[in-house]
Amino acid sequence: MEYLPLALGLLPSFAWLVFYLEEDPHPEPKKLIFETFLAGAISTLIVLSVQVTYNTWAMNRGIAEFSILSFIVFAAIEEFFKFGAARLVIGEHPKDFDEPVDAMIYMIVAALGFAAVENIAAVTKANGIFFETTTLRFIGATLLHTLSSGLLGYYWARSLVTGKRKLLYIGFALAVALHASFNYLILKYEPVVIPTTFLIVAALFILYDFEKLKRVSDSHN
């Protein structure tokens, strides 16, 4: 029973990982996928430390924990370090980062590593409602992380193809906006219908971007 929270916490990330890797037209090295996933998981420790530091700073200045500013800052911290995790790993293996769609793939893998740690923590604290928590994480937070990081990955790819660095910053801003909006909806409304609908709509656009990059990658081969 003690391994059940661990297994259920990992399940949403592994399920989405299989889905996205199956969609990759030219699969990446398994070792590099594992390293990127692990880097994303490890980045949660840094993110937690930075977020705690921000919370202390914000409280001392009378900034509410659930203010719009805090939603944006928390989302920005997570998106920045997920990107950093993917970028750090890829920087050591440039020959395996040779197609535009790779930017989205590696960003999504790092995000799933990050989400896996969050999921394990959430399931561990679920007081016995393990399966319900896992289901909500699958259609909620885990999907959110893949979409926000995938969106940033799309603009990262475009910035590399066009040489326009500003596209990376635009992607970062959009990823933060998506992430912060979902978190706001979770707390403002109920945790299922409205936030999930929001993610499904976002997923349609981001999966379309994914397909566009796949076609670009195919044209390069």
N, C-alpha and C. Protein backbone atom coordinates (compact mmCIF):
# COMPACT_ATOMS: atom_id res chain seq x y z
N MET A 1 0.83 -1.20 0.00
CA MET A 1 0.00 0.00 0.00
C MET A 1 0.87 1.26 0.00
N GLU A 2 2.05 1.18 0.62
CA GLU A 2 2.89 2.36 0.72
C GLU A 2 3.43 2.80 -0.63
N TYR A 3 3.44 1.88 -1.61
CA TYR A 3 3.91 2.25 -2.94
C TYR A 3 2.78 2.75 -3.83
N LEU A 4 1.54 2.64 -3.38
CA LEU A 4 0.41 3.05 -4.21
C LEU A 4 0.42 4.53 -4.53
N PRO A 5 0.64 5.43 -3.58
CA PRO A 5 0.70 6.85 -3.92
C PRO A 5 1.80 7.16 -4.94
N LEU A 6 2.94 6.48 -4.80
CA LEU A 6 4.03 6.70 -5.76
C LEU A 6 3.61 6.27 -7.16
N ALA A 7 3.03 5.09 -7.26
CA ALA A 7 2.62 4.57 -8.56
C ALA A 7 1.53 5.44 -9.18
N LEU A 8 0.53 5.82 -8.39
CA LEU A 8 -0.57 6.63 -8.90
C LEU A 8 -0.11 8.06 -9.22
N GLY A 9 0.87 8.54 -8.46
CA GLY A 9 1.41 9.87 -8.74
C GLY A 9 2.15 9.93 -10.06
N LEU A 10 2.82 8.83 -10.39
CA LEU A 10 3.58 8.77 -11.64
C LEU A 10 2.69 8.49 -12.85
N LEU A 11 1.55 7.85 -12.60
CA LEU A 11 0.70 7.38 -13.70
C LEU A 11 0.28 8.49 -14.68
N PRO A 12 -0.22 9.65 -14.21
CA PRO A 12 -0.63 10.68 -15.18
C PRO A 12 0.52 11.15 -16.07
N SER A 13 1.69 11.34 -15.49
CA SER A 13 2.84 11.79 -16.28
C SER A 13 3.26 10.74 -17.29
N PHE A 14 3.28 9.48 -16.89
CA PHE A 14 3.68 8.41 -17.81
C PHE A 14 2.66 8.25 -18.93
N ALA A 15 1.38 8.41 -18.60
CA ALA A 15 0.35 8.27 -19.63
C ALA A 15 0.48 9.36 -20.69
N TRP A 16 0.67 10.60 -20.25
CA TRP A 16 0.85 11.70 -21.22
C TRP A 16 2.18 11.57 -21.94
N LEU A 17 3.19 11.05 -21.27
CA LEU A 17 4.49 10.87 -21.90
C LEU A 17 4.38 9.90 -23.07
N VAL A 18 3.70 8.78 -22.85
CA VAL A 18 3.51 7.80 -23.93
C VAL A 18 2.76 8.44 -25.09
N PHE A 19 1.74 9.22 -24.79
CA PHE A 19 0.94 9.87 -25.84
C PHE A 19 1.81 10.77 -26.71
N TYR A 20 2.58 11.65 -26.09
CA TYR A 20 3.37 12.60 -26.86
C TYR A 20 4.53 11.93 -27.59
N LEU A 21 5.15 10.95 -26.98
CA LEU A 21 6.26 10.27 -27.65
C LEU A 21 5.76 9.49 -28.86
N GLU A 22 4.54 8.97 -28.77
CA GLU A 22 3.96 8.26 -29.91
C GLU A 22 3.70 9.22 -31.07
N GLU A 23 3.50 10.50 -30.74
CA GLU A 23 3.23 11.50 -31.77
C GLU A 23 4.50 12.05 -32.41
N ASP A 24 5.65 11.75 -31.82
CA ASP A 24 6.93 12.25 -32.33
C ASP A 24 7.31 11.48 -33.60
N PRO A 25 7.42 12.16 -34.74
CA PRO A 25 7.70 11.45 -35.99
C PRO A 25 9.09 10.82 -36.04
N HIS A 26 10.03 11.39 -35.30
CA HIS A 26 11.40 10.87 -35.26
C HIS A 26 11.81 10.78 -33.79
N PRO A 27 11.54 9.64 -33.16
CA PRO A 27 11.74 9.49 -31.71
C PRO A 27 13.13 9.91 -31.24
N GLU A 28 13.14 10.56 -30.08
CA GLU A 28 14.39 11.00 -29.47
C GLU A 28 15.02 9.85 -28.68
N PRO A 29 16.33 9.93 -28.41
CA PRO A 29 17.00 8.88 -27.63
C PRO A 29 16.35 8.69 -26.26
N LYS A 30 16.09 7.46 -25.89
CA LYS A 30 15.42 7.17 -24.61
C LYS A 30 16.23 7.71 -23.44
N LYS A 31 17.55 7.63 -23.53
CA LYS A 31 18.39 8.13 -22.44
C LYS A 31 18.20 9.63 -22.25
N LEU A 32 18.06 10.35 -23.36
CA LEU A 32 17.89 11.80 -23.28
C LEU A 32 16.49 12.15 -22.77
N ILE A 33 15.51 11.37 -23.16
CA ILE A 33 14.15 11.56 -22.64
C ILE A 33 14.16 11.37 -21.12
N PHE A 34 14.82 10.33 -20.67
CA PHE A 34 14.89 10.07 -19.22
C PHE A 34 15.60 11.22 -18.50
N GLU A 35 16.71 11.69 -19.04
CA GLU A 35 17.46 12.78 -18.41
C GLU A 35 16.63 14.06 -18.33
N THR A 36 15.87 14.33 -19.39
CA THR A 36 15.04 15.52 -19.40
C THR A 36 13.90 15.40 -18.40
N PHE A 37 13.28 14.23 -18.34
CA PHE A 37 12.22 13.96 -17.37
C PHE A 37 12.77 14.14 -15.95
N LEU A 38 13.95 13.59 -15.70
CA LEU A 38 14.56 13.68 -14.37
C LEU A 38 14.91 15.12 -14.03
N ALA A 39 15.43 15.87 -15.00
CA ALA A 39 15.77 17.28 -14.77
C ALA A 39 14.52 18.07 -14.41
N GLY A 40 13.40 17.79 -15.10
CA GLY A 40 12.15 18.45 -14.77
C GLY A 40 11.69 18.12 -13.36
N ALA A 41 11.86 16.86 -12.97
CA ALA A 41 11.48 16.44 -11.62
C ALA A 41 12.33 17.14 -10.56
N ILE A 42 13.64 17.20 -10.80
CA ILE A 42 14.55 17.83 -9.84
C ILE A 42 14.28 19.32 -9.71
N SER A 43 13.85 19.93 -10.82
CA SER A 43 13.61 21.38 -10.79
C SER A 43 12.51 21.77 -9.81
N THR A 44 11.64 20.82 -9.42
CA THR A 44 10.60 21.14 -8.46
C THR A 44 11.18 21.57 -7.12
N LEU A 45 12.33 21.03 -6.77
CA LEU A 45 12.95 21.39 -5.49
C LEU A 45 13.40 22.85 -5.51
N ILE A 46 13.95 23.28 -6.64
CA ILE A 46 14.38 24.67 -6.77
C ILE A 46 13.16 25.58 -6.79
N VAL A 47 12.14 25.17 -7.54
CA VAL A 47 10.91 25.96 -7.65
C VAL A 47 10.28 26.17 -6.28
N LEU A 48 10.21 25.10 -5.50
CA LEU A 48 9.61 25.21 -4.16
C LEU A 48 10.36 26.22 -3.31
N SER A 49 11.68 26.17 -3.37
CA SER A 49 12.49 27.10 -2.59
C SER A 49 12.25 28.54 -3.03
N VAL A 50 12.21 28.77 -4.32
CA VAL A 50 12.00 30.12 -4.84
C VAL A 50 10.60 30.62 -4.50
N GLN A 51 9.60 29.74 -4.60
CA GLN A 51 8.24 30.15 -4.29
C GLN A 51 8.06 30.46 -2.81
N VAL A 52 8.71 29.69 -1.95
CA VAL A 52 8.65 29.98 -0.51
C VAL A 52 9.29 31.33 -0.23
N THR A 53 10.42 31.61 -0.88
CA THR A 53 11.08 32.90 -0.71
C THR A 53 10.18 34.04 -1.17
N TYR A 54 9.52 33.85 -2.32
CA TYR A 54 8.60 34.88 -2.81
C TYR A 54 7.45 35.08 -1.83
N ASN A 55 6.88 33.98 -1.32
CA ASN A 55 5.76 34.07 -0.38
C ASN A 55 6.13 34.90 0.84
N THR A 56 7.32 34.65 1.37
CA THR A 56 7.79 35.40 2.53
C THR A 56 7.92 36.88 2.19
N TRP A 57 8.51 37.16 1.04
CA TRP A 57 8.67 38.55 0.58
C TRP A 57 7.30 39.21 0.40
N ALA A 58 6.37 38.50 -0.21
CA ALA A 58 5.04 39.05 -0.49
C ALA A 58 4.26 39.32 0.79
N MET A 59 4.33 38.38 1.72
CA MET A 59 3.61 38.55 2.98
C MET A 59 4.12 39.76 3.74
N ASN A 60 5.42 39.97 3.71
CA ASN A 60 6.00 41.12 4.41
C ASN A 60 5.60 42.45 3.80
N ARG A 61 5.09 42.39 2.57
CA ARG A 61 4.66 43.61 1.88
C ARG A 61 3.15 43.67 1.70
N GLY A 62 2.46 42.78 2.39
CA GLY A 62 1.01 42.82 2.37
C GLY A 62 0.37 42.35 1.08
N ILE A 63 1.10 41.56 0.29
CA ILE A 63 0.56 41.03 -0.97
C ILE A 63 -0.15 39.72 -0.66
N ALA A 64 -1.40 39.63 -1.03
CA ALA A 64 -2.21 38.45 -0.72
C ALA A 64 -1.65 37.22 -1.44
N GLU A 65 -1.76 36.07 -0.78
CA GLU A 65 -1.23 34.83 -1.34
C GLU A 65 -1.91 34.47 -2.66
N PHE A 66 -3.21 34.78 -2.77
CA PHE A 66 -3.94 34.43 -3.98
C PHE A 66 -4.30 35.66 -4.81
N SER A 67 -3.42 36.63 -4.80
CA SER A 67 -3.61 37.82 -5.63
C SER A 67 -3.24 37.50 -7.08
N ILE A 68 -3.66 38.35 -7.99
CA ILE A 68 -3.31 38.17 -9.40
C ILE A 68 -1.79 38.16 -9.57
N LEU A 69 -1.12 39.05 -8.85
CA LEU A 69 0.35 39.10 -8.93
C LEU A 69 0.97 37.77 -8.51
N SER A 70 0.47 37.19 -7.44
CA SER A 70 1.02 35.92 -6.97
C SER A 70 0.76 34.79 -7.95
N PHE A 71 -0.43 34.78 -8.56
CA PHE A 71 -0.71 33.77 -9.59
C PHE A 71 0.32 33.87 -10.71
N ILE A 72 0.59 35.09 -11.15
CA ILE A 72 1.51 35.30 -12.26
C ILE A 72 2.93 34.93 -11.87
N VAL A 73 3.36 35.35 -10.68
CA VAL A 73 4.73 35.08 -10.24
C VAL A 73 4.95 33.57 -10.06
N PHE A 74 4.00 32.90 -9.43
CA PHE A 74 4.15 31.45 -9.23
C PHE A 74 4.21 30.72 -10.57
N ALA A 75 3.36 31.11 -11.50
CA ALA A 75 3.37 30.49 -12.82
C ALA A 75 4.69 30.77 -13.54
N ALA A 76 5.17 32.00 -13.43
CA ALA A 76 6.43 32.38 -14.10
C ALA A 76 7.61 31.59 -13.55
N ILE A 77 7.63 31.40 -12.23
CA ILE A 77 8.71 30.63 -11.61
C ILE A 77 8.72 29.20 -12.16
N GLU A 78 7.56 28.59 -12.22
CA GLU A 78 7.49 27.20 -12.68
C GLU A 78 7.86 27.08 -14.16
N GLU A 79 7.33 27.99 -14.98
CA GLU A 79 7.65 27.93 -16.41
C GLU A 79 9.13 28.20 -16.68
N PHE A 80 9.71 29.11 -15.93
CA PHE A 80 11.13 29.43 -16.12
C PHE A 80 12.01 28.23 -15.81
N PHE A 81 11.74 27.55 -14.71
CA PHE A 81 12.61 26.44 -14.32
C PHE A 81 12.34 25.17 -15.12
N LYS A 82 11.11 24.99 -15.61
CA LYS A 82 10.88 23.86 -16.52
C LYS A 82 11.65 24.07 -17.81
N PHE A 83 11.62 25.30 -18.30
CA PHE A 83 12.39 25.62 -19.51
C PHE A 83 13.88 25.43 -19.24
N GLY A 84 14.34 25.91 -18.09
CA GLY A 84 15.74 25.76 -17.73
C GLY A 84 16.18 24.32 -17.66
N ALA A 85 15.29 23.45 -17.15
CA ALA A 85 15.63 22.02 -17.05
C ALA A 85 15.83 21.42 -18.44
N ALA A 86 14.88 21.71 -19.35
CA ALA A 86 15.00 21.18 -20.72
C ALA A 86 16.22 21.77 -21.43
N ARG A 87 16.41 23.06 -21.28
CA ARG A 87 17.52 23.73 -21.96
C ARG A 87 18.87 23.22 -21.45
N LEU A 88 18.96 22.95 -20.17
CA LEU A 88 20.21 22.46 -19.59
C LEU A 88 20.58 21.10 -20.16
N VAL A 89 19.61 20.21 -20.26
CA VAL A 89 19.87 18.86 -20.78
C VAL A 89 20.20 18.92 -22.27
N ILE A 90 19.41 19.66 -23.03
CA ILE A 90 19.59 19.74 -24.47
C ILE A 90 20.92 20.39 -24.83
N GLY A 91 21.36 21.33 -24.00
CA GLY A 91 22.63 22.00 -24.27
C GLY A 91 23.81 21.06 -24.30
N GLU A 92 23.66 19.92 -23.64
CA GLU A 92 24.73 18.92 -23.61
C GLU A 92 24.63 17.93 -24.77
N HIS A 93 23.53 18.00 -25.52
CA HIS A 93 23.31 17.03 -26.61
C HIS A 93 22.76 17.75 -27.85
N PRO A 94 23.49 18.70 -28.40
CA PRO A 94 22.95 19.48 -29.53
C PRO A 94 22.62 18.65 -30.77
N LYS A 95 23.30 17.54 -30.96
CA LYS A 95 23.04 16.73 -32.16
C LYS A 95 21.67 16.07 -32.11
N ASP A 96 21.11 15.93 -30.92
CA ASP A 96 19.78 15.33 -30.78
C ASP A 96 18.68 16.38 -30.72
N PHE A 97 19.05 17.64 -30.98
CA PHE A 97 18.09 18.74 -31.00
C PHE A 97 18.14 19.35 -32.39
N ASP A 98 17.70 18.54 -33.37
CA ASP A 98 17.93 18.88 -34.77
C ASP A 98 16.67 19.12 -35.58
N GLU A 99 15.50 19.14 -34.92
CA GLU A 99 14.24 19.39 -35.61
C GLU A 99 13.41 20.38 -34.80
N PRO A 100 12.62 21.22 -35.45
CA PRO A 100 11.80 22.19 -34.71
C PRO A 100 10.90 21.55 -33.66
N VAL A 101 10.28 20.40 -34.00
CA VAL A 101 9.35 19.78 -33.07
C VAL A 101 10.06 19.29 -31.80
N ASP A 102 11.38 19.11 -31.86
CA ASP A 102 12.12 18.65 -30.68
C ASP A 102 11.96 19.62 -29.51
N ALA A 103 11.84 20.91 -29.81
CA ALA A 103 11.69 21.90 -28.74
C ALA A 103 10.43 21.63 -27.93
N MET A 104 9.33 21.32 -28.62
CA MET A 104 8.09 21.01 -27.92
C MET A 104 8.20 19.68 -27.18
N ILE A 105 8.81 18.69 -27.80
CA ILE A 105 8.93 17.37 -27.17
C ILE A 105 9.71 17.47 -25.86
N TYR A 106 10.88 18.09 -25.91
CA TYR A 106 11.71 18.15 -24.70
C TYR A 106 11.09 19.04 -23.61
N MET A 107 10.41 20.10 -24.02
CA MET A 107 9.73 20.92 -23.03
C MET A 107 8.61 20.14 -22.35
N ILE A 108 7.86 19.38 -23.13
CA ILE A 108 6.76 18.59 -22.56
C ILE A 108 7.30 17.50 -21.64
N VAL A 109 8.39 16.87 -22.02
CA VAL A 109 8.98 15.83 -21.17
C VAL A 109 9.45 16.41 -19.84
N ALA A 110 10.11 17.57 -19.89
CA ALA A 110 10.54 18.23 -18.64
C ALA A 110 9.33 18.58 -17.78
N ALA A 111 8.27 19.05 -18.43
CA ALA A 111 7.05 19.40 -17.70
C ALA A 111 6.43 18.18 -17.03
N LEU A 112 6.49 17.04 -17.70
CA LEU A 112 5.92 15.82 -17.12
C LEU A 112 6.74 15.33 -15.94
N GLY A 113 8.04 15.52 -15.99
CA GLY A 113 8.87 15.21 -14.83
C GLY A 113 8.51 16.09 -13.65
N PHE A 114 8.32 17.37 -13.94
CA PHE A 114 7.91 18.34 -12.91
C PHE A 114 6.56 17.94 -12.33
N ALA A 115 5.60 17.63 -13.21
CA ALA A 115 4.25 17.27 -12.76
C ALA A 115 4.25 15.99 -11.95
N ALA A 116 5.14 15.06 -12.28
CA ALA A 116 5.19 13.78 -11.57
C ALA A 116 5.46 13.99 -10.09
N VAL A 117 6.39 14.87 -9.77
CA VAL A 117 6.70 15.14 -8.36
C VAL A 117 5.51 15.80 -7.67
N GLU A 118 4.89 16.76 -8.36
CA GLU A 118 3.69 17.40 -7.79
C GLU A 118 2.59 16.37 -7.56
N ASN A 119 2.42 15.46 -8.51
CA ASN A 119 1.37 14.45 -8.40
C ASN A 119 1.61 13.51 -7.22
N ILE A 120 2.85 13.08 -7.05
CA ILE A 120 3.18 12.19 -5.94
C ILE A 120 2.87 12.88 -4.62
N ALA A 121 3.24 14.15 -4.52
CA ALA A 121 2.97 14.91 -3.29
C ALA A 121 1.47 15.03 -3.06
N ALA A 122 0.71 15.29 -4.14
CA ALA A 122 -0.74 15.46 -4.00
C ALA A 122 -1.42 14.15 -3.60
N VAL A 123 -1.02 13.04 -4.23
CA VAL A 123 -1.64 11.75 -3.92
C VAL A 123 -1.27 11.31 -2.50
N THR A 124 -0.04 11.58 -2.10
CA THR A 124 0.40 11.22 -0.74
C THR A 124 -0.44 11.93 0.31
N LYS A 125 -0.86 13.17 0.01
CA LYS A 125 -1.65 13.95 0.97
C LYS A 125 -3.16 13.76 0.79
N ALA A 126 -3.54 12.81 -0.05
CA ALA A 126 -4.95 12.70 -0.44
C ALA A 126 -5.83 11.99 0.58
N ASN A 127 -5.27 11.51 1.67
CA ASN A 127 -6.04 10.88 2.75
C ASN A 127 -6.95 9.76 2.25
N GLY A 128 -6.38 8.89 1.40
CA GLY A 128 -7.12 7.72 0.97
C GLY A 128 -7.87 7.85 -0.34
N ILE A 129 -8.13 9.09 -0.78
CA ILE A 129 -8.87 9.25 -2.06
C ILE A 129 -7.87 9.31 -3.21
N PHE A 130 -7.08 8.25 -3.32
CA PHE A 130 -5.97 8.22 -4.27
C PHE A 130 -6.43 8.27 -5.72
N PHE A 131 -7.42 7.46 -6.06
CA PHE A 131 -7.82 7.34 -7.46
C PHE A 131 -8.51 8.61 -7.97
N GLU A 132 -9.33 9.23 -7.11
CA GLU A 132 -9.98 10.48 -7.49
C GLU A 132 -8.93 11.57 -7.72
N THR A 133 -7.94 11.62 -6.83
CA THR A 133 -6.89 12.62 -6.96
C THR A 133 -6.09 12.40 -8.23
N THR A 134 -5.77 11.14 -8.53
CA THR A 134 -5.02 10.82 -9.74
C THR A 134 -5.78 11.24 -10.99
N THR A 135 -7.09 10.98 -11.01
CA THR A 135 -7.90 11.36 -12.16
C THR A 135 -7.92 12.87 -12.36
N LEU A 136 -8.10 13.59 -11.26
CA LEU A 136 -8.10 15.05 -11.35
C LEU A 136 -6.75 15.60 -11.80
N ARG A 137 -5.67 14.99 -11.34
CA ARG A 137 -4.33 15.43 -11.75
C ARG A 137 -4.10 15.14 -13.23
N PHE A 138 -4.67 14.03 -13.72
CA PHE A 138 -4.49 13.65 -15.12
C PHE A 138 -5.13 14.66 -16.05
N ILE A 139 -6.37 15.06 -15.75
CA ILE A 139 -7.08 15.98 -16.63
C ILE A 139 -6.88 17.44 -16.22
N GLY A 140 -6.18 17.65 -15.12
CA GLY A 140 -5.98 19.01 -14.65
C GLY A 140 -4.53 19.44 -14.69
N ALA A 141 -3.86 19.35 -13.55
CA ALA A 141 -2.53 19.92 -13.42
C ALA A 141 -1.49 19.32 -14.38
N THR A 142 -1.55 17.99 -14.58
CA THR A 142 -0.56 17.36 -15.47
C THR A 142 -0.76 17.84 -16.90
N LEU A 143 -2.01 17.87 -17.35
CA LEU A 143 -2.29 18.39 -18.69
C LEU A 143 -1.89 19.85 -18.80
N LEU A 144 -2.16 20.63 -17.76
CA LEU A 144 -1.76 22.03 -17.76
C LEU A 144 -0.26 22.18 -18.02
N HIS A 145 0.54 21.41 -17.29
CA HIS A 145 1.99 21.52 -17.44
C HIS A 145 2.44 21.17 -18.85
N THR A 146 1.83 20.14 -19.44
CA THR A 146 2.22 19.78 -20.80
C THR A 146 1.83 20.88 -21.78
N LEU A 147 0.69 21.50 -21.57
CA LEU A 147 0.21 22.52 -22.50
C LEU A 147 1.02 23.82 -22.38
N SER A 148 1.25 24.27 -21.16
CA SER A 148 1.99 25.52 -20.99
C SER A 148 3.43 25.37 -21.47
N SER A 149 4.06 24.25 -21.12
CA SER A 149 5.43 24.03 -21.57
C SER A 149 5.48 23.74 -23.07
N GLY A 150 4.46 23.04 -23.59
CA GLY A 150 4.40 22.80 -25.02
C GLY A 150 4.25 24.09 -25.79
N LEU A 151 3.45 25.02 -25.26
CA LEU A 151 3.28 26.32 -25.88
C LEU A 151 4.60 27.09 -25.91
N LEU A 152 5.31 27.07 -24.79
CA LEU A 152 6.62 27.71 -24.76
C LEU A 152 7.58 27.03 -25.72
N GLY A 153 7.51 25.70 -25.80
CA GLY A 153 8.36 24.96 -26.73
C GLY A 153 8.09 25.33 -28.18
N TYR A 154 6.82 25.58 -28.50
CA TYR A 154 6.46 25.96 -29.86
C TYR A 154 7.13 27.29 -30.23
N TYR A 155 7.06 28.26 -29.34
CA TYR A 155 7.67 29.56 -29.63
C TYR A 155 9.19 29.50 -29.56
N TRP A 156 9.69 28.61 -28.74
CA TRP A 156 11.14 28.38 -28.71
C TRP A 156 11.60 27.86 -30.07
N ALA A 157 10.85 26.90 -30.61
CA ALA A 157 11.17 26.36 -31.93
C ALA A 157 11.12 27.45 -32.99
N ARG A 158 10.08 28.27 -32.95
CA ARG A 158 9.95 29.34 -33.93
C ARG A 158 11.10 30.34 -33.82
N SER A 159 11.52 30.61 -32.59
CA SER A 159 12.63 31.55 -32.41
C SER A 159 13.93 30.99 -32.99
N LEU A 160 14.10 29.67 -32.89
CA LEU A 160 15.30 29.04 -33.42
C LEU A 160 15.27 29.01 -34.95
N VAL A 161 14.09 28.76 -35.51
CA VAL A 161 13.95 28.68 -36.97
C VAL A 161 14.11 30.05 -37.62
N THR A 162 13.52 31.07 -37.00
CA THR A 162 13.52 32.41 -37.59
C THR A 162 14.69 33.28 -37.12
N GLY A 163 15.32 32.88 -36.01
CA GLY A 163 16.38 33.71 -35.45
C GLY A 163 15.85 34.90 -34.67
N LYS A 164 14.54 34.93 -34.41
CA LYS A 164 13.92 36.04 -33.68
C LYS A 164 13.75 35.65 -32.22
N ARG A 165 14.67 36.13 -31.39
CA ARG A 165 14.67 35.75 -29.98
C ARG A 165 13.42 36.24 -29.25
N LYS A 166 12.83 37.32 -29.75
CA LYS A 166 11.65 37.86 -29.07
C LYS A 166 10.50 36.86 -29.04
N LEU A 167 10.48 35.92 -30.00
CA LEU A 167 9.43 34.90 -30.01
C LEU A 167 9.50 34.02 -28.77
N LEU A 168 10.71 33.78 -28.27
CA LEU A 168 10.86 32.99 -27.05
C LEU A 168 10.22 33.72 -25.87
N TYR A 169 10.42 35.03 -25.80
CA TYR A 169 9.83 35.82 -24.72
C TYR A 169 8.31 35.87 -24.83
N ILE A 170 7.81 35.94 -26.08
CA ILE A 170 6.37 35.91 -26.28
C ILE A 170 5.80 34.57 -25.81
N GLY A 171 6.50 33.49 -26.17
CA GLY A 171 6.06 32.17 -25.74
C GLY A 171 6.04 32.04 -24.23
N PHE A 172 7.07 32.58 -23.58
CA PHE A 172 7.13 32.53 -22.12
C PHE A 172 5.95 33.27 -21.51
N ALA A 173 5.64 34.46 -22.04
CA ALA A 173 4.53 35.26 -21.52
C ALA A 173 3.20 34.53 -21.71
N LEU A 174 3.02 33.90 -22.86
CA LEU A 174 1.78 33.16 -23.12
C LEU A 174 1.66 31.93 -22.23
N ALA A 175 2.78 31.24 -22.01
CA ALA A 175 2.77 30.06 -21.13
C ALA A 175 2.40 30.47 -19.70
N VAL A 176 2.97 31.57 -19.24
CA VAL A 176 2.65 32.07 -17.90
C VAL A 176 1.19 32.46 -17.81
N ALA A 177 0.68 33.13 -18.84
CA ALA A 177 -0.73 33.54 -18.85
C ALA A 177 -1.65 32.33 -18.79
N LEU A 178 -1.34 31.30 -19.58
CA LEU A 178 -2.14 30.07 -19.57
C LEU A 178 -2.12 29.42 -18.19
N HIS A 179 -0.93 29.30 -17.64
CA HIS A 179 -0.74 28.65 -16.34
C HIS A 179 -1.47 29.42 -15.23
N ALA A 180 -1.26 30.73 -15.19
CA ALA A 180 -1.88 31.55 -14.15
C ALA A 180 -3.39 31.57 -14.29
N SER A 181 -3.90 31.58 -15.52
CA SER A 181 -5.35 31.60 -15.74
C SER A 181 -6.00 30.32 -15.21
N PHE A 182 -5.36 29.18 -15.48
CA PHE A 182 -5.90 27.91 -14.98
C PHE A 182 -5.93 27.91 -13.46
N ASN A 183 -4.85 28.32 -12.83
CA ASN A 183 -4.80 28.34 -11.36
C ASN A 183 -5.87 29.26 -10.79
N TYR A 184 -6.10 30.39 -11.46
CA TYR A 184 -7.14 31.32 -11.02
C TYR A 184 -8.51 30.66 -11.12
N LEU A 185 -8.77 29.97 -12.24
CA LEU A 185 -10.07 29.33 -12.43
C LEU A 185 -10.30 28.23 -11.41
N ILE A 186 -9.24 27.51 -11.06
CA ILE A 186 -9.35 26.43 -10.05
C ILE A 186 -9.85 27.00 -8.73
N LEU A 187 -9.33 28.14 -8.32
CA LEU A 187 -9.69 28.71 -7.02
C LEU A 187 -10.96 29.56 -7.09
N LYS A 188 -11.20 30.20 -8.23
CA LYS A 188 -12.37 31.07 -8.37
C LYS A 188 -13.64 30.27 -8.53
N TYR A 189 -13.56 29.16 -9.26
CA TYR A 189 -14.73 28.34 -9.53
C TYR A 189 -14.52 26.95 -8.92
N GLU A 190 -15.16 25.94 -9.43
CA GLU A 190 -14.97 24.59 -8.91
C GLU A 190 -13.83 23.92 -9.70
N PRO A 191 -13.26 22.83 -9.18
CA PRO A 191 -12.02 22.30 -9.76
C PRO A 191 -12.16 21.41 -10.99
N VAL A 192 -13.36 21.31 -11.58
CA VAL A 192 -13.49 20.35 -12.69
C VAL A 192 -13.96 21.01 -13.98
N VAL A 193 -15.23 21.37 -14.06
CA VAL A 193 -15.86 21.69 -15.35
C VAL A 193 -15.22 22.89 -16.05
N ILE A 194 -15.22 24.04 -15.40
CA ILE A 194 -14.72 25.26 -16.05
C ILE A 194 -13.22 25.18 -16.33
N PRO A 195 -12.38 24.83 -15.34
CA PRO A 195 -10.95 24.73 -15.63
C PRO A 195 -10.62 23.68 -16.69
N THR A 196 -11.31 22.54 -16.64
CA THR A 196 -11.05 21.47 -17.62
C THR A 196 -11.46 21.91 -19.02
N THR A 197 -12.61 22.58 -19.13
CA THR A 197 -13.03 23.09 -20.43
C THR A 197 -12.02 24.08 -20.98
N PHE A 198 -11.50 24.92 -20.11
CA PHE A 198 -10.47 25.88 -20.49
C PHE A 198 -9.24 25.16 -21.05
N LEU A 199 -8.83 24.08 -20.39
CA LEU A 199 -7.66 23.33 -20.85
C LEU A 199 -7.93 22.62 -22.17
N ILE A 200 -9.12 22.10 -22.34
CA ILE A 200 -9.45 21.39 -23.59
C ILE A 200 -9.38 22.36 -24.77
N VAL A 201 -9.92 23.56 -24.59
CA VAL A 201 -9.86 24.56 -25.66
C VAL A 201 -8.41 24.92 -25.96
N ALA A 202 -7.62 25.13 -24.91
CA ALA A 202 -6.20 25.45 -25.10
C ALA A 202 -5.48 24.30 -25.79
N ALA A 203 -5.83 23.06 -25.43
CA ALA A 203 -5.18 21.89 -26.01
C ALA A 203 -5.40 21.81 -27.52
N LEU A 204 -6.58 22.21 -27.98
CA LEU A 204 -6.86 22.17 -29.41
C LEU A 204 -5.89 23.05 -30.20
N PHE A 205 -5.63 24.24 -29.67
CA PHE A 205 -4.71 25.16 -30.34
C PHE A 205 -3.26 24.66 -30.25
N ILE A 206 -2.88 24.16 -29.09
CA ILE A 206 -1.48 23.76 -28.90
C ILE A 206 -1.16 22.47 -29.65
N LEU A 207 -2.10 21.55 -29.70
CA LEU A 207 -1.88 20.35 -30.50
C LEU A 207 -1.82 20.68 -31.99
N TYR A 208 -2.55 21.71 -32.40
CA TYR A 208 -2.45 22.18 -33.79
C TYR A 208 -1.04 22.72 -34.05
N ASP A 209 -0.50 23.47 -33.09
CA ASP A 209 0.88 23.96 -33.20
C ASP A 209 1.86 22.80 -33.29
N PHE A 210 1.59 21.76 -32.50
CA PHE A 210 2.44 20.57 -32.51
C PHE A 210 2.46 19.93 -33.89
N GLU A 211 1.28 19.83 -34.50
CA GLU A 211 1.18 19.24 -35.83
C GLU A 211 1.90 20.10 -36.87
N LYS A 212 1.83 21.41 -36.70
CA LYS A 212 2.53 22.30 -37.63
C LYS A 212 4.03 22.09 -37.56
N LEU A 213 4.56 21.95 -36.36
CA LEU A 213 6.00 21.73 -36.21
C LEU A 213 6.41 20.36 -36.74
N LYS A 214 5.53 19.37 -36.60
CA LYS A 214 5.83 18.05 -37.16
C LYS A 214 5.98 18.14 -38.68
N ARG A 215 5.11 18.93 -39.31
CA ARG A 215 5.20 19.07 -40.77
C ARG A 215 6.48 19.81 -41.18
N VAL A 216 6.86 20.81 -40.38
CA VAL A 216 8.10 21.54 -40.64
C VAL A 216 9.29 20.61 -40.50
N SER A 217 9.26 19.77 -39.47
CA SER A 217 10.35 18.83 -39.24
C SER A 217 10.44 17.83 -40.40
N ASP A 218 9.29 17.38 -40.88
CA ASP A 218 9.29 16.44 -42.00
C ASP A 218 9.88 17.08 -43.26
N SER A 219 9.62 18.37 -43.44
CA SER A 219 10.11 19.06 -44.63
C SER A 219 11.62 19.25 -44.59
N HIS A 220 12.21 19.14 -43.37
CA HIS A 220 13.64 19.30 -43.21
C HIS A 220 14.39 18.00 -43.45
N ASN A 221 13.64 16.89 -43.64
CA ASN A 221 14.26 15.57 -43.79
C ASN A 221 14.12 15.07 -45.24
